[in-house]
Amino acid sequence: MKVVAVCFFFLAIVAFLVQMYVAIRHLDEVEGLLSKSDFVLGNRKLYLHAGLLGKIMRICTISTLLTTPYLFVRKGLDDEAQLQNFPAPMKRLLVVLGCTMCIFSAAFLALWSF
């Protein structure tokens, strides 16, 4: 069982490394596409001086925003038109990366306890 847990751990690490690459290469582009979002602007202001970890946090929060947009639109934290105009390939990548990291990390923690 520990071998399976270690496999999930390494898969989560791979997802994290891909997310790190996306944060380094595409964060400014993604934030530009969501320029009217109070949520994105607030997180940018909060994590702007946090270096690489701040970039990863910002891309993770954007992944959360794209995964559950109705929550953020309902609370008035995001612009629905910008979310609908967000490029589908980038949205798919961010949603899949965020969900993959969560699932693999949860599986690792669940299996490691056995």
C-alpha atoms as a PDB file:
ATOM      1  CA  MET A   1       0.000   0.000   0.000  1.00  0.00           C
ATOM      2  CA  LYS A   2       2.905   2.346   0.716  1.00  0.00           C
ATOM      3  CA  VAL A   3       4.156   1.899  -2.869  1.00  0.00           C
ATOM      4  CA  VAL A   4       0.828   3.131  -4.230  1.00  0.00           C
ATOM      5  CA  ALA A   5       0.940   6.089  -1.842  1.00  0.00           C
ATOM      6  CA  VAL A   6       4.442   6.967  -3.019  1.00  0.00           C
ATOM      7  CA  CYS A   7       3.237   6.805  -6.644  1.00  0.00           C
ATOM      8  CA  PHE A   8       0.450   9.267  -5.847  1.00  0.00           C
ATOM      9  CA  PHE A   9       2.988  11.481  -4.089  1.00  0.00           C
ATOM     10  CA  PHE A  10       5.222  11.592  -7.171  1.00  0.00           C
ATOM     11  CA  LEU A  11       2.236  12.269  -9.425  1.00  0.00           C
ATOM     12  CA  ALA A  12       1.288  15.189  -7.175  1.00  0.00           C
ATOM     13  CA  ILE A  13       4.875  16.458  -7.406  1.00  0.00           C
ATOM     14  CA  VAL A  14       4.743  16.266 -11.219  1.00  0.00           C
ATOM     15  CA  ALA A  15       1.455  18.209 -11.216  1.00  0.00           C
ATOM     16  CA  PHE A  16       3.051  20.771  -8.893  1.00  0.00           C
ATOM     17  CA  LEU A  17       6.064  21.166 -11.205  1.00  0.00           C
ATOM     18  CA  VAL A  18       3.790  21.689 -14.206  1.00  0.00           C
ATOM     19  CA  GLN A  19       1.818  24.233 -12.202  1.00  0.00           C
ATOM     20  CA  MET A  20       5.083  25.963 -11.296  1.00  0.00           C
ATOM     21  CA  TYR A  21       6.002  26.155 -14.991  1.00  0.00           C
ATOM     22  CA  VAL A  22       2.586  27.607 -15.848  1.00  0.00           C
ATOM     23  CA  ALA A  23       2.942  30.141 -13.026  1.00  0.00           C
ATOM     24  CA  ILE A  24       6.341  31.274 -14.274  1.00  0.00           C
ATOM     25  CA  ARG A  25       5.443  31.406 -17.979  1.00  0.00           C
ATOM     26  CA  HIS A  26       1.759  32.359 -18.162  1.00  0.00           C
ATOM     27  CA  LEU A  27       0.707  34.069 -14.915  1.00  0.00           C
ATOM     28  CA  ASP A  28       0.840  37.613 -16.294  1.00  0.00           C
ATOM     29  CA  GLU A  29      -1.202  36.576 -19.333  1.00  0.00           C
ATOM     30  CA  VAL A  30      -3.818  34.829 -17.179  1.00  0.00           C
ATOM     31  CA  GLU A  31      -4.079  37.764 -14.773  1.00  0.00           C
ATOM     32  CA  GLY A  32      -4.434  40.105 -17.743  1.00  0.00           C
ATOM     33  CA  LEU A  33      -7.380  38.061 -18.997  1.00  0.00           C
ATOM     34  CA  LEU A  34      -9.036  38.435 -15.575  1.00  0.00           C
ATOM     35  CA  SER A  35      -8.192  42.114 -15.054  1.00  0.00           C
ATOM     36  CA  LYS A  36     -11.693  43.065 -13.804  1.00  0.00           C
ATOM     37  CA  SER A  37     -11.743  40.393 -11.104  1.00  0.00           C
ATOM     38  CA  ASP A  38     -11.544  41.774  -7.569  1.00  0.00           C
ATOM     39  CA  PHE A  39     -10.478  38.311  -6.391  1.00  0.00           C
ATOM     40  CA  VAL A  40      -7.512  38.150  -8.789  1.00  0.00           C
ATOM     41  CA  LEU A  41      -6.499  41.758  -8.104  1.00  0.00           C
ATOM     42  CA  GLY A  42      -6.621  41.180  -4.342  1.00  0.00           C
ATOM     43  CA  ASN A  43      -4.515  38.036  -4.568  1.00  0.00           C
ATOM     44  CA  ARG A  44      -2.055  39.774  -6.873  1.00  0.00           C
ATOM     45  CA  LYS A  45      -1.659  42.589  -4.342  1.00  0.00           C
ATOM     46  CA  LEU A  46      -1.305  40.105  -1.471  1.00  0.00           C
ATOM     47  CA  TYR A  47       1.245  37.761  -3.095  1.00  0.00           C
ATOM     48  CA  LEU A  48       3.071  40.168  -5.432  1.00  0.00           C
ATOM     49  CA  HIS A  49       6.252  40.338  -3.343  1.00  0.00           C
ATOM     50  CA  ALA A  50       6.293  36.665  -2.299  1.00  0.00           C
ATOM     51  CA  GLY A  51       8.495  35.487  -5.177  1.00  0.00           C
ATOM     52  CA  LEU A  52       7.989  32.084  -6.777  1.00  0.00           C
ATOM     53  CA  LEU A  53       5.779  30.841  -3.948  1.00  0.00           C
ATOM     54  CA  GLY A  54       3.549  33.875  -4.453  1.00  0.00           C
ATOM     55  CA  LYS A  55       3.236  33.108  -8.169  1.00  0.00           C
ATOM     56  CA  ILE A  56       2.265  29.530  -7.381  1.00  0.00           C
ATOM     57  CA  MET A  57      -0.316  30.719  -4.846  1.00  0.00           C
ATOM     58  CA  ARG A  58      -1.767  33.147  -7.389  1.00  0.00           C
ATOM     59  CA  ILE A  59      -2.061  30.498 -10.110  1.00  0.00           C
ATOM     60  CA  CYS A  60      -3.637  28.076  -7.589  1.00  0.00           C
ATOM     61  CA  THR A  61      -6.255  30.639  -6.594  1.00  0.00           C
ATOM     62  CA  ILE A  62      -6.999  31.305 -10.263  1.00  0.00           C
ATOM     63  CA  SER A  63      -7.407  27.539 -10.742  1.00  0.00           C
ATOM     64  CA  THR A  64      -9.929  27.574  -7.901  1.00  0.00           C
ATOM     65  CA  LEU A  65     -11.716  30.525  -9.476  1.00  0.00           C
ATOM     66  CA  LEU A  66     -11.971  28.736 -12.829  1.00  0.00           C
ATOM     67  CA  THR A  67     -13.101  25.485 -11.196  1.00  0.00           C
ATOM     68  CA  THR A  68     -16.024  27.077  -9.331  1.00  0.00           C
ATOM     69  CA  PRO A  69     -16.758  30.359 -11.126  1.00  0.00           C
ATOM     70  CA  TYR A  70     -20.395  30.566 -10.049  1.00  0.00           C
ATOM     71  CA  LEU A  71     -19.354  31.033  -6.400  1.00  0.00           C
ATOM     72  CA  PHE A  72     -17.147  34.000  -7.215  1.00  0.00           C
ATOM     73  CA  VAL A  73     -19.616  35.624  -9.619  1.00  0.00           C
ATOM     74  CA  ARG A  74     -22.446  35.251  -7.105  1.00  0.00           C
ATOM     75  CA  LYS A  75     -20.367  36.988  -4.406  1.00  0.00           C
ATOM     76  CA  GLY A  76     -19.425  39.768  -6.847  1.00  0.00           C
ATOM     77  CA  LEU A  77     -15.719  38.933  -6.814  1.00  0.00           C
ATOM     78  CA  ASP A  78     -15.443  38.251 -10.537  1.00  0.00           C
ATOM     79  CA  ASP A  79     -16.778  39.423 -13.880  1.00  0.00           C
ATOM     80  CA  GLU A  80     -18.891  36.783 -15.617  1.00  0.00           C
ATOM     81  CA  ALA A  81     -18.106  38.126 -19.099  1.00  0.00           C
ATOM     82  CA  GLN A  82     -14.359  37.738 -18.542  1.00  0.00           C
ATOM     83  CA  LEU A  83     -14.814  34.174 -17.343  1.00  0.00           C
ATOM     84  CA  GLN A  84     -16.860  33.298 -20.418  1.00  0.00           C
ATOM     85  CA  ASN A  85     -14.234  34.857 -22.712  1.00  0.00           C
ATOM     86  CA  PHE A  86     -11.346  33.057 -20.987  1.00  0.00           C
ATOM     87  CA  PRO A  87      -9.488  30.823 -23.499  1.00  0.00           C
ATOM     88  CA  ALA A  88     -10.730  27.230 -23.219  1.00  0.00           C
ATOM     89  CA  PRO A  89      -7.299  25.511 -23.535  1.00  0.00           C
ATOM     90  CA  MET A  90      -5.791  27.585 -20.717  1.00  0.00           C
ATOM     91  CA  LYS A  91      -8.903  27.147 -18.574  1.00  0.00           C
ATOM     92  CA  ARG A  92      -8.817  23.381 -19.108  1.00  0.00           C
ATOM     93  CA  LEU A  93      -5.116  23.232 -18.197  1.00  0.00           C
ATOM     94  CA  LEU A  94      -5.549  25.233 -14.987  1.00  0.00           C
ATOM     95  CA  VAL A  95      -8.648  23.324 -13.858  1.00  0.00           C
ATOM     96  CA  VAL A  96      -7.061  19.936 -14.571  1.00  0.00           C
ATOM     97  CA  LEU A  97      -3.842  20.892 -12.776  1.00  0.00           C
ATOM     98  CA  GLY A  98      -5.658  22.164  -9.705  1.00  0.00           C
ATOM     99  CA  CYS A  99      -7.942  19.135  -9.474  1.00  0.00           C
ATOM    100  CA  THR A 100      -5.082  16.718 -10.171  1.00  0.00           C
ATOM    101  CA  MET A 101      -2.978  18.147  -7.372  1.00  0.00           C
ATOM    102  CA  CYS A 102      -5.879  17.985  -4.920  1.00  0.00           C
ATOM    103  CA  ILE A 103      -6.869  14.426  -5.851  1.00  0.00           C
ATOM    104  CA  PHE A 104      -3.335  13.022  -5.852  1.00  0.00           C
ATOM    105  CA  SER A 105      -2.452  14.763  -2.585  1.00  0.00           C
ATOM    106  CA  ALA A 106      -5.625  13.480  -0.905  1.00  0.00           C
ATOM    107  CA  ALA A 107      -4.988   9.963  -2.230  1.00  0.00           C
ATOM    108  CA  PHE A 108      -1.419  10.082  -0.937  1.00  0.00           C
ATOM    109  CA  LEU A 109      -2.540  11.178   2.524  1.00  0.00           C
ATOM    110  CA  ALA A 110      -5.330   8.588   2.638  1.00  0.00           C
ATOM    111  CA  LEU A 111      -3.151   5.688   1.495  1.00  0.00           C
ATOM    112  CA  TRP A 112      -0.136   6.647   3.593  1.00  0.00           C
ATOM    113  CA  SER A 113      -2.162   6.218   6.779  1.00  0.00           C
ATOM    114  CA  PHE A 114      -2.740   2.500   6.107  1.00  0.00           C
END
